[in-house]
Protein backbone atom coordinates (compact mmCIF):
# COMPACT_ATOMS: atom_id res chain seq x y z
CA MET A 1 -66.26 -54.33 -12.32
CA SER A 2 -62.60 -53.45 -12.99
CA SER A 3 -61.75 -51.31 -16.01
CA LYS A 4 -59.59 -52.36 -18.96
CA ILE A 5 -57.81 -50.62 -21.79
CA TYR A 6 -59.56 -51.00 -25.15
CA SER A 7 -58.48 -49.86 -28.61
CA VAL A 8 -61.03 -47.41 -30.02
CA ILE A 9 -61.21 -45.56 -33.32
CA LYS A 10 -60.61 -41.88 -32.67
CA GLY A 11 -60.86 -40.71 -36.28
CA THR A 12 -60.93 -41.89 -39.89
CA GLY A 13 -59.64 -40.63 -43.23
CA LYS A 14 -59.46 -41.55 -46.92
CA TYR A 15 -58.25 -40.58 -50.36
CA ILE A 16 -60.45 -41.50 -53.31
CA PRO A 17 -58.83 -40.54 -56.64
CA PRO A 18 -61.06 -38.25 -58.71
CA THR A 19 -60.37 -40.02 -62.03
CA LYS A 20 -63.17 -42.44 -62.90
CA VAL A 21 -62.42 -45.36 -65.23
CA LYS A 22 -65.63 -46.91 -66.51
CA ASN A 23 -66.08 -50.36 -68.03
CA GLU A 24 -66.59 -48.85 -71.47
CA ASP A 25 -63.04 -47.45 -71.24
CA PHE A 26 -61.83 -51.06 -71.72
CA LEU A 27 -63.62 -51.54 -75.03
CA THR A 28 -60.43 -50.81 -76.99
CA ASN A 29 -58.22 -53.19 -74.98
CA GLU A 30 -56.88 -56.47 -76.33
CA PHE A 31 -57.52 -59.35 -73.94
CA TYR A 32 -55.58 -62.62 -73.88
CA ASP A 33 -55.98 -65.80 -71.84
CA THR A 34 -53.42 -67.63 -69.69
CA TYR A 35 -52.23 -69.54 -72.77
CA GLY A 36 -51.40 -66.37 -74.67
CA LYS A 37 -54.38 -66.66 -77.02
CA LYS A 38 -56.42 -63.60 -77.91
CA SER A 39 -59.99 -63.75 -76.63
CA PRO A 40 -62.51 -64.60 -79.39
CA LYS A 41 -65.23 -62.70 -77.53
CA SER A 42 -65.98 -59.05 -78.24
CA ASN A 43 -64.95 -56.54 -75.58
CA GLN A 44 -68.59 -55.54 -75.26
CA GLU A 45 -69.44 -59.10 -74.23
CA ILE A 46 -66.39 -59.31 -71.94
CA THR A 47 -67.18 -56.09 -70.08
CA GLU A 48 -70.86 -56.90 -69.72
CA LYS A 49 -70.12 -60.36 -68.31
CA PHE A 50 -67.46 -58.86 -66.02
CA GLU A 51 -69.94 -56.41 -64.51
CA ASP A 52 -72.54 -59.14 -64.13
CA ILE A 53 -70.07 -61.35 -62.23
CA THR A 54 -68.41 -58.67 -60.07
CA THR A 55 -70.95 -55.76 -59.99
CA ILE A 56 -68.04 -53.41 -60.83
CA ALA A 57 -69.10 -50.65 -63.24
CA GLU A 58 -66.22 -48.23 -62.60
CA ARG A 59 -63.10 -47.78 -60.54
CA ARG A 60 -60.71 -44.97 -59.56
CA HIS A 61 -57.12 -44.45 -60.74
CA VAL A 62 -54.56 -41.98 -59.43
CA SER A 63 -53.07 -39.23 -61.56
CA LYS A 64 -49.65 -39.79 -63.16
CA ASP A 65 -47.80 -37.68 -60.58
CA LEU A 66 -48.92 -39.67 -57.51
CA VAL A 67 -47.61 -42.85 -55.89
CA THR A 68 -48.87 -44.97 -53.02
CA SER A 69 -47.04 -43.08 -50.25
CA ASP A 70 -48.61 -39.82 -51.50
CA ILE A 71 -52.17 -41.06 -51.20
CA ALA A 72 -51.35 -42.80 -47.90
CA PHE A 73 -50.25 -39.37 -46.66
CA PHE A 74 -53.49 -37.76 -47.87
CA ALA A 75 -55.57 -40.35 -45.98
CA ALA A 76 -53.35 -39.90 -42.89
CA GLU A 77 -53.85 -36.13 -42.92
CA ASP A 78 -57.60 -36.64 -43.17
CA ALA A 79 -57.62 -39.08 -40.23
CA ILE A 80 -55.49 -36.77 -38.08
CA LYS A 81 -57.80 -33.87 -38.86
CA SER A 82 -60.96 -35.81 -38.01
CA SER A 83 -59.47 -37.20 -34.78
CA GLN A 84 -57.92 -33.88 -33.70
CA VAL A 85 -54.93 -35.70 -32.23
CA ASN A 86 -51.47 -34.20 -31.91
CA LYS A 87 -49.49 -36.00 -34.61
CA GLU A 88 -46.31 -35.73 -32.50
CA GLU A 89 -47.99 -37.95 -29.90
CA LEU A 90 -48.53 -40.85 -32.30
CA ASP A 91 -46.65 -43.94 -31.11
CA TYR A 92 -46.92 -45.93 -34.33
CA ILE A 93 -47.54 -45.37 -38.02
CA ILE A 94 -48.29 -48.66 -39.78
CA VAL A 95 -48.84 -48.67 -43.53
CA ALA A 96 -50.36 -51.73 -45.16
CA HIS A 97 -49.70 -52.04 -48.90
CA ASN A 98 -48.52 -54.64 -51.39
CA PHE A 99 -46.25 -53.07 -53.99
CA GLY A 100 -44.59 -50.02 -52.46
CA ASP A 101 -44.33 -46.89 -54.58
CA VAL A 102 -44.71 -47.68 -58.28
CA LYS A 103 -44.16 -44.69 -60.56
CA TYR A 104 -46.13 -44.16 -63.74
CA ASP A 105 -42.99 -44.04 -65.91
CA ASN A 106 -40.94 -46.65 -63.99
CA ARG A 107 -43.16 -49.49 -62.88
CA ARG A 108 -40.88 -51.16 -60.39
CA SER A 109 -41.61 -51.53 -56.70
CA ASP A 110 -39.80 -48.94 -54.60
CA LEU A 111 -39.77 -50.01 -50.94
CA VAL A 112 -36.80 -48.17 -49.42
CA PRO A 113 -37.33 -46.27 -47.24
CA SER A 114 -40.57 -47.84 -46.05
CA LEU A 115 -43.81 -46.17 -47.07
CA ALA A 116 -44.54 -45.55 -43.38
CA ALA A 117 -41.26 -43.67 -43.08
CA ARG A 118 -42.20 -41.61 -46.13
CA VAL A 119 -45.63 -40.84 -44.67
CA LYS A 120 -44.09 -39.83 -41.34
CA HIS A 121 -41.71 -37.53 -43.22
CA LYS A 122 -44.51 -35.98 -45.27
CA LEU A 123 -46.50 -35.40 -42.07
CA GLY A 124 -43.51 -33.53 -40.64
CA ILE A 125 -43.40 -35.63 -37.47
CA ILE A 126 -40.16 -35.07 -35.55
CA ASN A 127 -40.75 -37.44 -32.61
CA PRO A 128 -38.21 -40.32 -32.93
CA ASN A 129 -40.36 -42.48 -30.66
CA CYS A 130 -43.08 -42.59 -33.30
CA ILE A 131 -42.26 -45.92 -34.92
CA ALA A 132 -43.05 -46.26 -38.62
CA TYR A 133 -43.16 -49.56 -40.45
CA ASP A 134 -44.90 -51.34 -43.33
CA LEU A 135 -47.05 -54.45 -43.40
CA PRO A 136 -47.46 -56.40 -46.68
CA PHE A 137 -50.20 -58.95 -46.02
CA GLY A 138 -52.31 -59.01 -49.17
CA CYS A 139 -55.75 -57.41 -49.17
CA PRO A 140 -56.26 -58.12 -45.42
CA GLY A 141 -53.22 -55.92 -44.68
CA TRP A 142 -55.03 -52.91 -43.21
CA LEU A 143 -57.08 -55.08 -40.88
CA GLN A 144 -53.95 -57.00 -39.84
CA ALA A 145 -52.15 -53.70 -39.18
CA THR A 146 -55.10 -52.66 -37.02
CA ILE A 147 -54.69 -55.93 -35.11
CA HIS A 148 -50.98 -55.09 -34.61
CA ALA A 149 -51.92 -51.68 -33.24
CA ASP A 150 -54.45 -53.27 -30.90
CA TYR A 151 -51.73 -55.48 -29.42
CA PHE A 152 -49.44 -52.47 -28.91
CA ILE A 153 -52.18 -50.47 -27.20
CA LYS A 154 -53.41 -53.26 -24.94
CA SER A 155 -49.85 -54.14 -23.91
CA GLY A 156 -49.23 -50.57 -22.80
CA ASP A 157 -46.61 -50.01 -25.50
CA ALA A 158 -48.71 -47.39 -27.28
CA LYS A 159 -51.46 -44.90 -26.59
CA GLN A 160 -52.18 -43.87 -30.18
CA ALA A 161 -51.50 -45.41 -33.57
CA LEU A 162 -52.11 -44.34 -37.15
CA VAL A 163 -53.04 -47.30 -39.36
CA ILE A 164 -53.18 -46.81 -43.13
CA GLY A 165 -54.11 -49.03 -46.06
CA ALA A 166 -53.01 -47.76 -49.48
CA ASP A 167 -52.40 -49.28 -52.90
CA VAL A 168 -52.04 -48.19 -56.52
CA LEU A 169 -53.05 -51.38 -58.30
CA SER A 170 -53.59 -49.69 -61.67
CA ARG A 171 -49.82 -49.85 -62.24
CA ILE A 172 -49.30 -53.53 -61.51
CA CYS A 173 -52.18 -55.01 -63.53
CA ASP A 174 -51.68 -56.44 -67.01
CA PRO A 175 -53.72 -54.41 -69.55
CA TYR A 176 -54.05 -57.60 -71.63
CA ASP A 177 -55.65 -59.50 -68.72
CA ARG A 178 -59.41 -59.19 -68.13
CA ASP A 179 -58.74 -59.12 -64.39
CA SER A 180 -57.21 -55.66 -64.87
CA MET A 181 -60.79 -54.37 -64.72
CA LEU A 182 -60.99 -55.42 -61.07
CA TYR A 183 -58.23 -53.25 -59.74
CA ALA A 184 -58.35 -49.70 -58.43
CA ASP A 185 -56.35 -47.18 -56.41
CA GLY A 186 -57.10 -45.61 -53.04
CA ALA A 187 -56.15 -45.10 -49.42
CA GLY A 188 -57.91 -45.25 -46.06
CA ALA A 189 -56.74 -44.62 -42.51
CA VAL A 190 -57.78 -44.69 -38.87
CA ILE A 191 -56.38 -43.32 -35.62
CA LEU A 192 -56.62 -45.87 -32.81
CA GLU A 193 -56.19 -44.86 -29.18
CA GLY A 194 -56.34 -46.63 -25.84
CA LYS A 195 -59.38 -45.91 -23.72
CA GLU A 196 -60.12 -47.20 -20.23
CA SER A 197 -63.59 -48.64 -19.77
CA GLU A 198 -65.46 -50.92 -17.38
CA THR A 199 -67.65 -52.20 -20.21
CA PRO A 200 -66.28 -53.65 -23.47
CA ILE A 201 -65.83 -51.07 -26.25
CA GLY A 202 -63.70 -50.72 -29.36
CA ILE A 203 -61.92 -53.84 -30.57
CA LEU A 204 -63.49 -56.81 -28.79
CA ALA A 205 -61.84 -59.68 -30.65
CA HIS A 206 -60.00 -60.60 -33.81
CA THR A 207 -58.87 -63.71 -35.63
CA THR A 208 -56.42 -64.41 -38.45
CA ARG A 209 -55.54 -67.46 -40.53
CA SER A 210 -53.00 -68.13 -43.30
CA ASP A 211 -53.58 -71.04 -45.66
CA THR A 212 -50.25 -71.19 -47.48
CA HIS A 213 -49.90 -74.96 -47.91
CA GLN A 214 -52.50 -75.26 -50.66
CA TYR A 215 -53.39 -71.70 -51.57
CA SER A 216 -50.26 -69.54 -51.54
CA GLU A 217 -50.22 -69.12 -55.32
CA MET A 218 -53.83 -68.16 -56.00
CA LEU A 219 -52.53 -64.59 -56.33
CA TYR A 220 -49.08 -64.31 -57.84
CA MET A 221 -46.83 -62.20 -60.08
CA ASP A 222 -46.12 -63.13 -63.69
CA THR A 223 -45.44 -61.67 -67.13
CA SER A 224 -48.12 -60.31 -69.47
CA PHE A 225 -50.64 -62.67 -71.03
CA LYS A 226 -49.87 -61.17 -74.43
CA PRO A 227 -46.92 -62.87 -76.12
CA ASP A 228 -44.18 -60.43 -77.09
CA SER A 229 -45.94 -57.56 -75.33
CA GLU A 230 -44.23 -54.21 -75.04
CA TYR A 231 -43.72 -54.83 -71.31
CA LYS A 232 -41.11 -57.56 -71.91
CA ASP A 233 -40.14 -59.06 -68.52
CA ALA A 234 -42.33 -56.81 -66.37
CA LEU A 235 -44.33 -58.63 -63.69
CA PHE A 236 -48.06 -58.16 -63.19
CA LEU A 237 -50.57 -59.28 -60.58
CA LYS A 238 -52.28 -62.52 -61.61
CA MET A 239 -55.14 -64.39 -59.98
CA ASN A 240 -56.82 -67.77 -60.04
CA GLY A 241 -60.24 -66.22 -59.68
CA ARG A 242 -62.46 -69.31 -59.52
CA LYS A 243 -60.43 -71.07 -56.82
CA LEU A 244 -60.09 -67.84 -54.85
CA TYR A 245 -63.86 -67.36 -54.97
CA GLN A 246 -64.48 -70.85 -53.58
CA TYR A 247 -61.76 -70.46 -50.94
CA ALA A 248 -63.30 -67.22 -49.70
CA LEU A 249 -66.79 -68.72 -49.52
CA THR A 250 -65.47 -71.71 -47.60
CA THR A 251 -63.29 -69.90 -45.06
CA VAL A 252 -64.39 -66.29 -44.47
CA PRO A 253 -67.79 -67.06 -42.87
CA SER A 254 -66.24 -69.51 -40.40
CA ALA A 255 -63.48 -67.01 -39.53
CA ILE A 256 -66.14 -64.41 -38.71
CA GLN A 257 -68.03 -66.96 -36.63
CA THR A 258 -64.86 -67.81 -34.69
CA CYS A 259 -64.27 -64.13 -34.02
CA LEU A 260 -67.83 -63.60 -32.76
CA GLU A 261 -67.49 -66.58 -30.45
CA LYS A 262 -64.23 -65.20 -29.02
CA CYS A 263 -66.05 -62.19 -27.59
CA ASN A 264 -69.41 -63.89 -26.98
CA THR A 265 -71.18 -61.60 -29.43
CA PRO A 266 -74.34 -63.02 -31.04
CA LEU A 267 -74.68 -62.48 -34.78
CA SER A 268 -78.04 -60.84 -34.06
CA GLU A 269 -76.23 -57.94 -32.35
CA ILE A 270 -74.15 -57.10 -35.44
CA LYS A 271 -75.40 -53.93 -37.13
CA LYS A 272 -72.92 -53.79 -40.02
CA VAL A 273 -70.56 -56.18 -41.80
CA LEU A 274 -67.69 -54.26 -43.41
CA ILE A 275 -66.02 -56.71 -45.75
CA HIS A 276 -63.19 -56.31 -48.26
CA GLN A 277 -64.62 -54.95 -51.50
CA ALA A 278 -63.26 -57.49 -53.98
CA ASN A 279 -66.31 -58.72 -55.84
CA GLY A 280 -69.88 -57.73 -55.09
CA LYS A 281 -71.43 -61.12 -55.78
CA MET A 282 -68.71 -62.93 -53.83
CA ASP A 283 -69.37 -60.71 -50.82
CA ASP A 284 -73.11 -61.40 -51.10
CA ALA A 285 -72.41 -65.13 -51.11
CA ILE A 286 -70.08 -64.84 -48.10
CA LEU A 287 -72.75 -62.99 -46.13
CA LYS A 288 -75.39 -65.60 -46.98
CA ARG A 289 -73.06 -68.40 -45.88
CA LEU A 290 -72.29 -66.57 -42.64
CA TYR A 291 -75.97 -66.36 -41.75
CA LYS A 292 -76.47 -69.95 -42.90
CA LEU A 293 -74.00 -71.03 -40.19
CA TYR A 294 -76.60 -69.72 -37.74
CA ASN A 295 -79.50 -71.29 -39.67
CA ILE A 296 -80.77 -67.86 -40.74
CA ASP A 297 -82.12 -67.56 -44.29
CA GLU A 298 -83.43 -64.00 -44.24
CA LEU A 299 -80.64 -61.41 -44.10
CA PRO A 300 -81.03 -58.07 -42.30
CA GLU A 301 -81.57 -55.17 -44.67
CA ASP A 302 -78.61 -52.85 -45.35
CA ILE A 303 -76.26 -54.81 -43.09
CA MET A 304 -73.44 -54.96 -45.67
CA PRO A 305 -72.52 -51.60 -47.22
CA MET A 306 -70.84 -51.87 -50.62
CA THR A 307 -68.59 -49.57 -52.66
CA VAL A 308 -67.03 -52.01 -55.12
CA SER A 309 -69.47 -51.13 -57.93
CA TRP A 310 -68.10 -47.58 -58.18
CA LEU A 311 -64.68 -47.75 -56.47
CA GLY A 312 -63.46 -51.16 -57.65
CA ASN A 313 -61.01 -53.26 -55.66
CA SER A 314 -58.30 -51.09 -54.07
CA SER A 315 -57.00 -53.96 -51.93
CA VAL A 316 -55.96 -52.81 -48.43
CA ALA A 317 -57.80 -49.52 -48.89
CA THR A 318 -61.31 -50.90 -49.41
CA VAL A 319 -62.31 -51.48 -45.77
CA PRO A 320 -60.95 -48.27 -44.17
CA THR A 321 -62.36 -46.24 -47.08
CA LEU A 322 -65.75 -47.88 -46.58
CA LEU A 323 -65.60 -47.12 -42.85
CA ASP A 324 -64.69 -43.46 -43.42
CA LEU A 325 -67.52 -42.97 -45.93
CA ILE A 326 -70.04 -44.25 -43.39
CA MET A 327 -68.60 -42.37 -40.43
CA LYS A 328 -68.74 -39.11 -42.40
CA ASP A 329 -72.30 -39.77 -43.62
CA GLU A 330 -71.16 -40.04 -47.25
CA LEU A 331 -72.69 -43.46 -47.95
CA LYS A 332 -76.37 -42.99 -47.25
CA PRO A 333 -78.48 -44.59 -45.90
CA HIS A 334 -75.76 -46.41 -43.95
CA LYS A 335 -74.97 -45.20 -40.45
CA ILE A 336 -72.97 -46.53 -37.52
CA ASN A 337 -74.26 -45.35 -34.15
CA LYS A 338 -72.76 -45.32 -30.69
CA GLY A 339 -73.16 -48.75 -29.12
CA ASP A 340 -73.38 -50.59 -32.44
CA SER A 341 -71.39 -53.79 -32.85
CA ILE A 342 -69.83 -54.26 -36.28
CA VAL A 343 -67.73 -56.90 -38.02
CA PHE A 344 -64.70 -56.28 -40.23
CA ALA A 345 -63.44 -59.06 -42.52
CA SER A 346 -60.98 -59.48 -45.35
CA VAL A 347 -59.41 -62.12 -47.57
CA GLY A 348 -56.48 -61.95 -49.96
CA ALA A 349 -53.05 -63.01 -51.16
CA GLY A 350 -51.30 -65.53 -49.00
CA MET A 351 -53.97 -66.78 -48.74
CA ASN A 352 -54.73 -64.75 -45.64
CA ILE A 353 -58.02 -64.14 -43.86
CA ASN A 354 -58.87 -62.00 -40.85
CA ALA A 355 -61.92 -60.74 -39.00
CA MET A 356 -62.54 -58.29 -36.17
CA VAL A 357 -65.50 -57.45 -33.93
CA TYR A 358 -65.76 -53.81 -32.88
CA LYS A 359 -68.20 -52.00 -30.58
CA MET A 360 -68.75 -48.29 -31.08
């Protein structure tokens, strides 16, 4: 059998902010609906229902002095350390994010230079052949950036790539919107490298779809729900949660199935499903629907590790952070062993969906 070049994960890294924001910290907020009317429900009732629907009990926020490129750098340093690669030999640095650097005291998106360029600078990399660029692709951005890196490696254009997902969502959510309780901050990273093998390893297949015709505005930017709020014309992240939930349940399982079929991998061989941590109950429903496609009612135990209940939704950072926690034995009892086949999947603004099958 002839050998091929496969993209394998050499090392992982993350940055989880130390500041915990619990649901009870929202009890003093004022919440308004899309029509600008103040919610008649008590905040106690709102937060309890929110946790019941999403499973989120707390989330992490960055300190006032940090921005997205800072925490992307922290995750990058961690990944470089765990992989023991020479950073000057990196061919690509790809940073997935959605809002650039947003300062605490000036909440406007700052995108020039690119966050990848800022990370490369912070890492002190001199090599001009290390190409740094950003990828805004909604919550599936880190996985899509990993797919980019896979193409570069398999084409022979790259031997090693640093792929980062980082977002500071706490600065773009409307404090008068109940959905602000969903959002969190964080960063995750991997080092991918090309490895020659006669048997399939690393990234086996991936698939992506973009449903913009009907669903492009399920996540969008708009002004505060509170009329005459102190934020004036500032724009905040808004979401049509119910439609997004149904869209994800309809499309994510089939995207995973398509990906598995691409590499002839039976669902029974999958040891872990690492899915974007957006909503715990939504992810549970997606997993059930995936197995239903194969006429399986009983789900394998511990197949889908979850962090959303204590880390919230940090967008592009959720999946690489989840992977790093498992790889470093920080999310017991979950383990990923050599030879295991795992699935990555994500859904988010666009609407975009992607999935990837990986063999350790």
